[in-house]
Amino acid sequence: MAAAIHATLKGANSNSYVTLNEADLYFETAPEESNWDDKTDDAKRRALISACRWIDSLNFYGSRCDEDQALKWPRQNYEVDNVELTSDEIPKSIKYAQYELARQLANDTDLMTGNKGTDGNIEEVKLGTLEVKYSSKSQGTGAVNNVFDVCPWLQSYLGAYCLGGSGSYQVRMVRG
């Protein structure tokens, strides 16, 4: 079954911030458009929907504009560069992040799976006469905490809007 994009602003069933047509127009101006253009429309739609899900897994400042909206954007009660977010549009940088993450996902469907279980595992550590050996069974199998773990460049698009950064959960503290 072909994937269907629902990009209605504040929609109760929305699954994307952008349409396939918007993404195709964006990539017409990208230096490496060929690694988007060579995908089927269904593969592009699936990548856009998946990218939106990963973006929506992040914690953002402000609050949703409508309690019934399916996605985290648009938002209100937050400003960037002294400009209050409006409830009638999705910020361009959110859309750009979705386009670029979708392109990555369309070209590498295993992008967000984490490592294979042994990448980066340490077998032993020696310091002088001190030696520690680790059991491979006790080490993690690799996990993706959030999209920034795999695509840290997304922070340039999303950082101004996010509560938490890569690899940890952060809480905003206000002194008063």
N, C-alpha and C. Protein backbone atom coordinates (compact mmCIF):
# COMPACT_ATOMS: atom_id res chain seq x y z
N MET A 1 0.84 -1.17 0.00
CA MET A 1 0.00 0.00 0.00
C MET A 1 0.89 1.24 0.00
N ALA A 2 0.57 2.17 -0.83
CA ALA A 2 1.35 3.41 -0.93
C ALA A 2 1.13 4.29 0.30
N ALA A 3 2.20 4.92 0.73
CA ALA A 3 2.12 5.83 1.87
C ALA A 3 1.39 7.11 1.44
N ALA A 4 0.64 7.68 2.36
CA ALA A 4 -0.08 8.92 2.08
C ALA A 4 0.35 9.99 3.08
N ILE A 5 0.67 11.14 2.56
CA ILE A 5 1.07 12.26 3.41
C ILE A 5 -0.16 13.10 3.74
N HIS A 6 -0.28 13.41 5.02
CA HIS A 6 -1.33 14.32 5.50
C HIS A 6 -0.61 15.49 6.17
N ALA A 7 -0.57 16.63 5.49
CA ALA A 7 0.20 17.77 5.97
C ALA A 7 -0.70 18.96 6.30
N THR A 8 -1.87 18.68 6.83
CA THR A 8 -2.80 19.74 7.22
C THR A 8 -2.30 20.41 8.50
N LEU A 9 -2.17 21.72 8.46
CA LEU A 9 -1.72 22.48 9.63
C LEU A 9 -2.69 22.25 10.79
N LYS A 10 -2.18 21.82 11.93
CA LYS A 10 -2.96 21.52 13.13
C LYS A 10 -3.93 20.35 12.94
N GLY A 11 -3.71 19.54 11.91
CA GLY A 11 -4.62 18.44 11.63
C GLY A 11 -4.54 17.33 12.66
N ALA A 12 -5.67 16.74 12.95
CA ALA A 12 -5.73 15.65 13.91
C ALA A 12 -5.12 14.37 13.36
N ASN A 13 -4.97 14.27 12.05
CA ASN A 13 -4.40 13.08 11.42
C ASN A 13 -3.13 13.39 10.63
N SER A 14 -2.55 14.53 10.84
CA SER A 14 -1.35 14.91 10.09
C SER A 14 -0.19 14.00 10.44
N ASN A 15 0.65 13.73 9.42
CA ASN A 15 1.83 12.89 9.64
C ASN A 15 3.08 13.51 9.00
N SER A 16 2.96 14.75 8.56
CA SER A 16 4.09 15.44 7.93
C SER A 16 3.89 16.94 8.02
N TYR A 17 5.00 17.66 8.08
CA TYR A 17 4.94 19.12 8.05
C TYR A 17 4.96 19.65 6.63
N VAL A 18 5.33 18.80 5.68
CA VAL A 18 5.48 19.21 4.29
C VAL A 18 4.82 18.20 3.37
N THR A 19 4.51 18.65 2.17
CA THR A 19 3.98 17.75 1.15
C THR A 19 5.13 17.23 0.29
N LEU A 20 4.84 16.22 -0.49
CA LEU A 20 5.84 15.69 -1.42
C LEU A 20 6.21 16.76 -2.44
N ASN A 21 5.25 17.53 -2.91
CA ASN A 21 5.53 18.59 -3.87
C ASN A 21 6.47 19.64 -3.28
N GLU A 22 6.25 20.02 -2.03
CA GLU A 22 7.15 20.99 -1.37
C GLU A 22 8.57 20.43 -1.28
N ALA A 23 8.68 19.15 -0.94
CA ALA A 23 10.01 18.53 -0.83
C ALA A 23 10.69 18.50 -2.19
N ASP A 24 9.96 18.12 -3.23
CA ASP A 24 10.55 18.08 -4.57
C ASP A 24 11.02 19.47 -5.00
N LEU A 25 10.23 20.50 -4.69
CA LEU A 25 10.64 21.88 -5.02
C LEU A 25 11.89 22.28 -4.24
N TYR A 26 11.96 21.91 -2.97
CA TYR A 26 13.14 22.21 -2.16
C TYR A 26 14.39 21.59 -2.78
N PHE A 27 14.29 20.32 -3.18
CA PHE A 27 15.46 19.63 -3.70
C PHE A 27 15.85 20.07 -5.11
N GLU A 28 14.98 20.80 -5.79
CA GLU A 28 15.37 21.37 -7.08
C GLU A 28 16.50 22.37 -6.93
N THR A 29 16.62 22.95 -5.75
CA THR A 29 17.67 23.95 -5.50
C THR A 29 18.85 23.39 -4.71
N ALA A 30 18.78 22.10 -4.36
CA ALA A 30 19.85 21.48 -3.56
C ALA A 30 20.99 21.03 -4.47
N PRO A 31 22.22 21.16 -3.99
CA PRO A 31 23.38 20.75 -4.80
C PRO A 31 23.36 19.28 -5.20
N GLU A 32 22.83 18.43 -4.35
CA GLU A 32 22.83 16.99 -4.63
C GLU A 32 21.40 16.47 -4.79
N GLU A 33 20.67 17.07 -5.70
CA GLU A 33 19.27 16.68 -5.88
C GLU A 33 19.11 15.25 -6.38
N SER A 34 20.13 14.72 -7.04
CA SER A 34 20.00 13.40 -7.67
C SER A 34 19.71 12.30 -6.66
N ASN A 35 20.21 12.41 -5.44
CA ASN A 35 19.93 11.35 -4.48
C ASN A 35 18.56 11.51 -3.82
N TRP A 36 17.76 12.42 -4.30
CA TRP A 36 16.34 12.52 -3.95
C TRP A 36 15.51 12.20 -5.19
N ASP A 37 15.89 12.75 -6.30
CA ASP A 37 15.14 12.58 -7.55
C ASP A 37 15.09 11.14 -8.02
N ASP A 38 16.07 10.33 -7.68
CA ASP A 38 16.09 8.95 -8.18
C ASP A 38 15.23 8.00 -7.34
N LYS A 39 14.54 8.52 -6.33
CA LYS A 39 13.66 7.70 -5.50
C LYS A 39 12.24 7.73 -6.05
N THR A 40 11.49 6.67 -5.80
CA THR A 40 10.08 6.66 -6.20
C THR A 40 9.30 7.61 -5.31
N ASP A 41 8.15 8.05 -5.77
CA ASP A 41 7.31 8.93 -4.95
C ASP A 41 6.92 8.27 -3.64
N ASP A 42 6.63 6.97 -3.68
CA ASP A 42 6.28 6.26 -2.45
C ASP A 42 7.44 6.23 -1.47
N ALA A 43 8.65 5.99 -1.96
CA ALA A 43 9.83 5.99 -1.08
C ALA A 43 10.05 7.38 -0.48
N LYS A 44 9.82 8.41 -1.27
CA LYS A 44 9.97 9.79 -0.76
C LYS A 44 8.93 10.08 0.32
N ARG A 45 7.68 9.68 0.06
CA ARG A 45 6.62 9.91 1.07
C ARG A 45 6.95 9.19 2.37
N ARG A 46 7.39 7.95 2.27
CA ARG A 46 7.74 7.18 3.47
C ARG A 46 8.89 7.84 4.22
N ALA A 47 9.87 8.34 3.50
CA ALA A 47 11.00 9.02 4.14
C ALA A 47 10.54 10.31 4.82
N LEU A 48 9.65 11.05 4.17
CA LEU A 48 9.14 12.30 4.77
C LEU A 48 8.35 12.00 6.05
N ILE A 49 7.52 10.98 6.02
CA ILE A 49 6.72 10.62 7.20
C ILE A 49 7.64 10.15 8.33
N SER A 50 8.62 9.34 8.01
CA SER A 50 9.56 8.87 9.03
C SER A 50 10.37 10.02 9.61
N ALA A 51 10.82 10.93 8.76
CA ALA A 51 11.57 12.10 9.24
C ALA A 51 10.72 12.93 10.19
N CYS A 52 9.47 13.09 9.87
CA CYS A 52 8.56 13.85 10.74
C CYS A 52 8.42 13.16 12.10
N ARG A 53 8.30 11.85 12.09
CA ARG A 53 8.19 11.10 13.35
C ARG A 53 9.42 11.32 14.23
N TRP A 54 10.60 11.26 13.59
CA TRP A 54 11.83 11.45 14.37
C TRP A 54 11.92 12.87 14.90
N ILE A 55 11.54 13.84 14.12
CA ILE A 55 11.55 15.23 14.59
C ILE A 55 10.56 15.39 15.74
N ASP A 56 9.40 14.78 15.60
CA ASP A 56 8.39 14.89 16.65
C ASP A 56 8.75 14.13 17.92
N SER A 57 9.78 13.31 17.88
CA SER A 57 10.21 12.61 19.10
C SER A 57 11.02 13.53 20.02
N LEU A 58 11.38 14.71 19.53
CA LEU A 58 12.15 15.67 20.33
C LEU A 58 11.23 16.48 21.23
N ASN A 59 11.83 17.09 22.23
CA ASN A 59 11.09 17.97 23.14
C ASN A 59 11.35 19.41 22.74
N PHE A 60 10.27 20.16 22.55
CA PHE A 60 10.38 21.54 22.07
C PHE A 60 9.87 22.53 23.12
N TYR A 61 10.40 23.73 23.04
CA TYR A 61 9.89 24.83 23.86
C TYR A 61 8.46 25.17 23.43
N GLY A 62 7.76 25.86 24.30
CA GLY A 62 6.41 26.30 23.96
C GLY A 62 5.41 25.18 24.11
N SER A 63 4.24 25.39 23.54
CA SER A 63 3.17 24.40 23.63
C SER A 63 2.45 24.31 22.29
N ARG A 64 1.79 23.19 22.09
CA ARG A 64 1.02 23.00 20.85
C ARG A 64 -0.06 24.07 20.77
N CYS A 65 -0.40 24.46 19.58
CA CYS A 65 -1.42 25.49 19.38
C CYS A 65 -2.83 24.94 19.57
N ASP A 66 -3.00 23.67 19.31
CA ASP A 66 -4.32 23.06 19.40
C ASP A 66 -4.14 21.70 20.06
N GLU A 67 -4.89 21.42 21.08
CA GLU A 67 -4.72 20.15 21.80
C GLU A 67 -5.06 18.93 20.94
N ASP A 68 -5.79 19.12 19.86
CA ASP A 68 -6.16 18.01 18.99
C ASP A 68 -5.19 17.79 17.83
N GLN A 69 -4.19 18.66 17.67
CA GLN A 69 -3.27 18.48 16.55
C GLN A 69 -2.40 17.26 16.79
N ALA A 70 -2.16 16.49 15.74
CA ALA A 70 -1.40 15.25 15.84
C ALA A 70 0.09 15.50 16.03
N LEU A 71 0.62 16.53 15.40
CA LEU A 71 2.05 16.80 15.43
C LEU A 71 2.39 17.89 16.45
N LYS A 72 3.67 18.00 16.76
CA LYS A 72 4.09 18.98 17.77
C LYS A 72 4.13 20.41 17.26
N TRP A 73 4.09 20.59 15.95
CA TRP A 73 4.08 21.94 15.38
C TRP A 73 2.78 22.15 14.63
N PRO A 74 2.24 23.39 14.62
CA PRO A 74 2.84 24.62 15.13
C PRO A 74 2.77 24.71 16.65
N ARG A 75 3.59 25.64 17.19
CA ARG A 75 3.67 25.85 18.63
C ARG A 75 3.44 27.31 18.96
N GLN A 76 3.21 27.56 20.23
CA GLN A 76 3.00 28.92 20.71
C GLN A 76 3.71 29.09 22.05
N ASN A 77 3.70 30.30 22.56
CA ASN A 77 4.31 30.62 23.85
C ASN A 77 5.82 30.45 23.85
N TYR A 78 6.44 30.79 22.72
CA TYR A 78 7.89 30.73 22.62
C TYR A 78 8.32 31.68 21.51
N GLU A 79 9.50 32.26 21.67
CA GLU A 79 10.02 33.14 20.62
C GLU A 79 11.46 32.78 20.30
N VAL A 80 11.83 33.02 19.06
CA VAL A 80 13.18 32.80 18.57
C VAL A 80 13.65 34.13 17.98
N ASP A 81 14.82 34.59 18.42
CA ASP A 81 15.37 35.88 17.96
C ASP A 81 14.37 37.02 18.17
N ASN A 82 13.71 36.99 19.33
CA ASN A 82 12.72 38.01 19.71
C ASN A 82 11.52 38.06 18.79
N VAL A 83 11.24 36.97 18.09
CA VAL A 83 10.05 36.87 17.24
C VAL A 83 9.18 35.74 17.79
N GLU A 84 7.96 36.10 18.16
CA GLU A 84 7.01 35.12 18.71
C GLU A 84 6.61 34.13 17.62
N LEU A 85 6.60 32.84 17.95
CA LEU A 85 6.14 31.85 16.99
C LEU A 85 4.66 32.08 16.70
N THR A 86 4.30 31.90 15.45
CA THR A 86 2.89 32.07 15.08
C THR A 86 2.23 30.71 14.95
N SER A 87 0.94 30.69 15.20
CA SER A 87 0.22 29.42 15.16
C SER A 87 -0.32 29.09 13.77
N ASP A 88 0.01 29.92 12.79
CA ASP A 88 -0.54 29.68 11.45
C ASP A 88 0.50 29.22 10.44
N GLU A 89 1.69 28.81 10.93
CA GLU A 89 2.68 28.28 10.01
C GLU A 89 3.72 27.45 10.75
N ILE A 90 4.41 26.62 9.98
CA ILE A 90 5.52 25.83 10.50
C ILE A 90 6.79 26.60 10.17
N PRO A 91 7.69 26.83 11.13
CA PRO A 91 8.93 27.55 10.82
C PRO A 91 9.71 26.86 9.69
N LYS A 92 10.34 27.66 8.86
CA LYS A 92 11.09 27.12 7.72
C LYS A 92 12.17 26.15 8.16
N SER A 93 12.83 26.43 9.27
CA SER A 93 13.91 25.53 9.69
C SER A 93 13.39 24.15 10.10
N ILE A 94 12.15 24.07 10.57
CA ILE A 94 11.55 22.77 10.88
C ILE A 94 11.32 22.01 9.57
N LYS A 95 10.81 22.72 8.57
CA LYS A 95 10.60 22.10 7.25
C LYS A 95 11.93 21.69 6.63
N TYR A 96 12.93 22.54 6.70
CA TYR A 96 14.24 22.21 6.14
C TYR A 96 14.81 20.96 6.81
N ALA A 97 14.64 20.87 8.12
CA ALA A 97 15.12 19.69 8.85
C ALA A 97 14.41 18.44 8.35
N GLN A 98 13.11 18.54 8.11
CA GLN A 98 12.37 17.38 7.63
C GLN A 98 12.83 16.99 6.23
N TYR A 99 13.04 17.96 5.36
CA TYR A 99 13.52 17.64 4.00
C TYR A 99 14.86 16.92 4.07
N GLU A 100 15.80 17.49 4.81
CA GLU A 100 17.15 16.94 4.83
C GLU A 100 17.21 15.58 5.52
N LEU A 101 16.46 15.41 6.60
CA LEU A 101 16.43 14.11 7.26
C LEU A 101 15.75 13.09 6.35
N ALA A 102 14.71 13.47 5.65
CA ALA A 102 14.04 12.57 4.72
C ALA A 102 15.00 12.11 3.63
N ARG A 103 15.81 13.03 3.13
CA ARG A 103 16.78 12.65 2.09
C ARG A 103 17.76 11.61 2.65
N GLN A 104 18.22 11.83 3.87
CA GLN A 104 19.14 10.87 4.50
C GLN A 104 18.46 9.50 4.65
N LEU A 105 17.21 9.51 5.13
CA LEU A 105 16.49 8.25 5.34
C LEU A 105 16.18 7.55 4.02
N ALA A 106 15.89 8.31 2.98
CA ALA A 106 15.60 7.72 1.67
C ALA A 106 16.83 7.04 1.09
N ASN A 107 18.00 7.52 1.44
CA ASN A 107 19.25 6.97 0.92
C ASN A 107 19.90 5.95 1.83
N ASP A 108 19.44 5.88 3.09
CA ASP A 108 19.98 4.91 4.04
C ASP A 108 18.85 4.50 4.98
N THR A 109 18.13 3.46 4.61
CA THR A 109 16.96 3.06 5.40
C THR A 109 17.33 2.52 6.77
N ASP A 110 18.60 2.18 6.99
CA ASP A 110 19.05 1.71 8.31
C ASP A 110 19.67 2.83 9.15
N LEU A 111 19.50 4.06 8.71
CA LEU A 111 20.16 5.19 9.35
C LEU A 111 19.91 5.26 10.85
N MET A 112 18.70 5.04 11.29
CA MET A 112 18.33 5.28 12.68
C MET A 112 18.34 4.03 13.55
N THR A 113 19.01 2.97 13.13
CA THR A 113 18.96 1.72 13.90
C THR A 113 20.02 1.61 14.98
N GLY A 114 20.94 2.55 15.07
CA GLY A 114 22.00 2.43 16.06
C GLY A 114 23.09 1.52 15.53
N ASN A 115 24.07 1.20 16.39
CA ASN A 115 25.16 0.35 15.90
C ASN A 115 24.73 -1.12 15.92
N LYS A 116 25.54 -1.96 15.39
CA LYS A 116 25.20 -3.38 15.23
C LYS A 116 25.38 -4.19 16.50
N GLY A 117 25.79 -3.57 17.58
CA GLY A 117 25.92 -4.28 18.85
C GLY A 117 27.34 -4.40 19.35
N THR A 118 28.30 -4.28 18.47
CA THR A 118 29.68 -4.42 18.91
C THR A 118 30.53 -3.21 18.53
N ASP A 119 30.01 -2.33 17.72
CA ASP A 119 30.76 -1.14 17.31
C ASP A 119 31.11 -0.31 18.55
N GLY A 120 32.37 -0.05 18.75
CA GLY A 120 32.80 0.80 19.86
C GLY A 120 32.92 0.11 21.20
N ASN A 121 32.62 -1.18 21.25
CA ASN A 121 32.76 -1.90 22.52
C ASN A 121 34.23 -2.04 22.89
N ILE A 122 34.54 -1.93 24.17
CA ILE A 122 35.91 -2.02 24.67
C ILE A 122 36.10 -3.38 25.30
N GLU A 123 37.15 -4.09 24.86
CA GLU A 123 37.42 -5.41 25.41
C GLU A 123 38.26 -5.34 26.67
N GLU A 124 39.29 -4.49 26.64
CA GLU A 124 40.12 -4.35 27.83
C GLU A 124 40.81 -2.99 27.84
N VAL A 125 41.19 -2.57 29.06
CA VAL A 125 41.89 -1.30 29.25
C VAL A 125 43.08 -1.56 30.16
N LYS A 126 44.23 -1.05 29.77
CA LYS A 126 45.44 -1.22 30.58
C LYS A 126 46.03 0.15 30.89
N LEU A 127 46.43 0.32 32.14
CA LEU A 127 47.12 1.53 32.57
C LEU A 127 48.21 1.08 33.53
N GLY A 128 49.43 1.00 33.02
CA GLY A 128 50.53 0.48 33.84
C GLY A 128 50.27 -0.98 34.16
N THR A 129 50.26 -1.29 35.46
CA THR A 129 50.01 -2.67 35.87
C THR A 129 48.52 -2.94 36.09
N LEU A 130 47.72 -1.89 36.05
CA LEU A 130 46.27 -2.03 36.23
C LEU A 130 45.65 -2.46 34.91
N GLU A 131 44.83 -3.51 34.96
CA GLU A 131 44.21 -4.03 33.75
C GLU A 131 42.76 -4.39 34.06
N VAL A 132 41.84 -3.97 33.18
CA VAL A 132 40.43 -4.29 33.34
C VAL A 132 39.96 -4.95 32.04
N LYS A 133 39.31 -6.12 32.18
CA LYS A 133 38.74 -6.80 31.02
C LYS A 133 37.22 -6.78 31.17
N TYR A 134 36.56 -6.48 30.07
CA TYR A 134 35.11 -6.37 30.07
C TYR A 134 34.48 -7.56 29.36
N SER A 135 33.35 -7.97 29.85
CA SER A 135 32.59 -9.03 29.19
C SER A 135 31.77 -8.38 28.07
N SER A 136 31.84 -8.97 26.90
CA SER A 136 31.07 -8.41 25.79
C SER A 136 29.57 -8.56 26.02
N LYS A 137 29.18 -9.47 26.90
CA LYS A 137 27.77 -9.68 27.20
C LYS A 137 27.19 -8.57 28.06
N SER A 138 28.05 -7.81 28.73
CA SER A 138 27.55 -6.77 29.63
C SER A 138 27.49 -5.39 28.98
N GLN A 139 27.93 -5.32 27.72
CA GLN A 139 27.94 -4.02 27.06
C GLN A 139 26.67 -3.82 26.24
N GLY A 140 26.30 -2.56 26.10
CA GLY A 140 25.09 -2.22 25.37
C GLY A 140 25.14 -2.64 23.91
N THR A 141 23.98 -2.77 23.33
CA THR A 141 23.88 -3.19 21.93
C THR A 141 23.80 -2.01 20.99
N GLY A 142 23.91 -0.82 21.50
CA GLY A 142 23.81 0.35 20.64
C GLY A 142 22.37 0.83 20.58
N ALA A 143 22.19 2.09 20.82
CA ALA A 143 20.84 2.63 20.81
C ALA A 143 20.88 4.06 20.30
N VAL A 144 19.77 4.49 19.78
CA VAL A 144 19.62 5.86 19.33
C VAL A 144 18.70 6.54 20.34
N ASN A 145 19.25 7.48 21.12
CA ASN A 145 18.43 8.19 22.09
C ASN A 145 17.51 9.19 21.43
N ASN A 146 18.05 9.89 20.45
CA ASN A 146 17.23 10.80 19.66
C ASN A 146 17.92 11.04 18.32
N VAL A 147 17.25 11.71 17.46
CA VAL A 147 17.74 11.90 16.10
C VAL A 147 19.08 12.64 16.06
N PHE A 148 19.39 13.44 17.06
CA PHE A 148 20.67 14.16 17.10
C PHE A 148 21.86 13.22 17.28
N ASP A 149 21.63 12.03 17.86
CA ASP A 149 22.71 11.06 18.02
C ASP A 149 23.26 10.63 16.66
N VAL A 150 22.38 10.48 15.70
CA VAL A 150 22.75 9.99 14.38
C VAL A 150 23.02 11.13 13.40
N CYS A 151 22.27 12.19 13.53
CA CYS A 151 22.37 13.34 12.62
C CYS A 151 22.59 14.62 13.42
N PRO A 152 23.77 14.80 14.00
CA PRO A 152 23.99 15.98 14.83
C PRO A 152 23.85 17.30 14.07
N TRP A 153 24.01 17.27 12.76
CA TRP A 153 23.85 18.46 11.94
C TRP A 153 22.43 19.01 11.99
N LEU A 154 21.45 18.19 12.37
CA LEU A 154 20.07 18.68 12.50
C LEU A 154 19.93 19.75 13.57
N GLN A 155 20.87 19.78 14.52
CA GLN A 155 20.80 20.80 15.57
C GLN A 155 20.90 22.21 14.99
N SER A 156 21.55 22.34 13.84
CA SER A 156 21.63 23.67 13.22
C SER A 156 20.26 24.14 12.75
N TYR A 157 19.36 23.21 12.43
CA TYR A 157 18.00 23.56 12.04
C TYR A 157 17.07 23.65 13.24
N LEU A 158 17.23 22.72 14.19
CA LEU A 158 16.24 22.55 15.26
C LEU A 158 16.68 23.07 16.63
N GLY A 159 17.95 23.36 16.79
CA GLY A 159 18.49 23.70 18.10
C GLY A 159 17.79 24.84 18.82
N ALA A 160 17.39 25.87 18.10
CA ALA A 160 16.74 27.02 18.74
C ALA A 160 15.37 26.69 19.31
N TYR A 161 14.80 25.58 18.89
CA TYR A 161 13.46 25.20 19.31
C TYR A 161 13.43 24.08 20.34
N CYS A 162 14.57 23.39 20.53
CA CYS A 162 14.60 22.16 21.33
C CYS A 162 14.96 22.39 22.79
N LEU A 163 14.29 21.64 23.64
CA LEU A 163 14.62 21.63 25.07
C LEU A 163 15.85 20.80 25.35
N GLY A 164 16.01 19.68 24.69
CA GLY A 164 17.09 18.75 24.98
C GLY A 164 18.04 18.60 23.83
N GLY A 165 19.27 18.28 24.17
CA GLY A 165 20.28 18.05 23.14
C GLY A 165 20.53 16.57 22.96
N SER A 166 21.60 16.26 22.30
CA SER A 166 21.93 14.88 21.97
C SER A 166 22.36 14.09 23.20
N GLY A 167 21.83 12.88 23.29
CA GLY A 167 22.33 11.92 24.26
C GLY A 167 21.84 12.09 25.68
N SER A 168 21.08 13.09 25.97
CA SER A 168 20.59 13.25 27.33
C SER A 168 19.28 14.00 27.32
N TYR A 169 18.59 13.88 28.41
CA TYR A 169 17.35 14.64 28.55
C TYR A 169 17.68 15.86 29.38
N GLN A 170 17.34 17.01 28.88
CA GLN A 170 17.64 18.25 29.60
C GLN A 170 16.34 18.93 30.00
N VAL A 171 16.41 19.60 31.13
CA VAL A 171 15.27 20.34 31.63
C VAL A 171 15.65 21.80 31.73
N ARG A 172 14.80 22.68 31.24
CA ARG A 172 15.07 24.10 31.30
C ARG A 172 14.84 24.58 32.73
N MET A 173 15.84 25.30 33.27
CA MET A 173 15.75 25.85 34.63
C MET A 173 15.60 27.36 34.52
N VAL A 174 14.71 27.89 35.31
CA VAL A 174 14.50 29.33 35.33
C VAL A 174 14.69 29.81 36.75
N ARG A 175 15.57 30.79 36.93
CA ARG A 175 15.78 31.36 38.26
C ARG A 175 14.83 32.53 38.44
N GLY A 176 14.32 32.63 39.58
CA GLY A 176 13.39 33.74 39.71
C GLY A 176 13.31 34.21 41.06
